[in-house]
Amino acid sequence: MLTHLNKDGEAVMVDVGEKNVTTRTARAYARIKMKKETLEMLLSADLKKGDGLGTARVAGIMGGKKTSELIPLCHNIPIDKIAVDFEKEDDAHLAVYSFTKCTYKTGIEMEALTAVSVAALTIYDMCKAVDRGMVIEEIKLLEKTGGKSDYKNEG
């Protein structure tokens, strides 16, 4: 059952008023493919626009904080933490990871997903002068804890 649709199929915001406040966390992942030279420039902070990873980290955090303004039916929740990190996977791929945490009545998965999405888009923006062929290949939730159930992406 989709929680954001009423009996008539219309979009609605979920009522979380009766839910218990618990600590909730989420981790998300994005993967960006680029030229080897682009990745080297990004990792060595040798871009004309400046520190691409530092800029993307701040953008991801800011994006996560703005999730309820971007995704129409998301609740505006009190966020305890958002962290964004990067890892070189190979000569052509950069991984973007986020960790989010809140103590509230509803989860923080969308904030984790928004954080990696905005960070990945910012990397594209920072590097597009040298590599317009970059591809954001994947965005996914890795895990979530708290609330009624935990989830771990096994794929």
Foldseek 3Di string as FASTA:
>chain_A
DDQQADPVRDGDAHDLPPFAWAKKKWKKKWKKFWALVLVVCQVVQNFPVGNLQVVLFVQLLVQLQCLCVVDPRDDNFDWPDKGWDWDDPDSTMIMIMIMTIGGGRDYSHSSRQRSNVRSVVSSCVRRVVPTVPMDGDDMDIQWMDDGPDIDGDPD
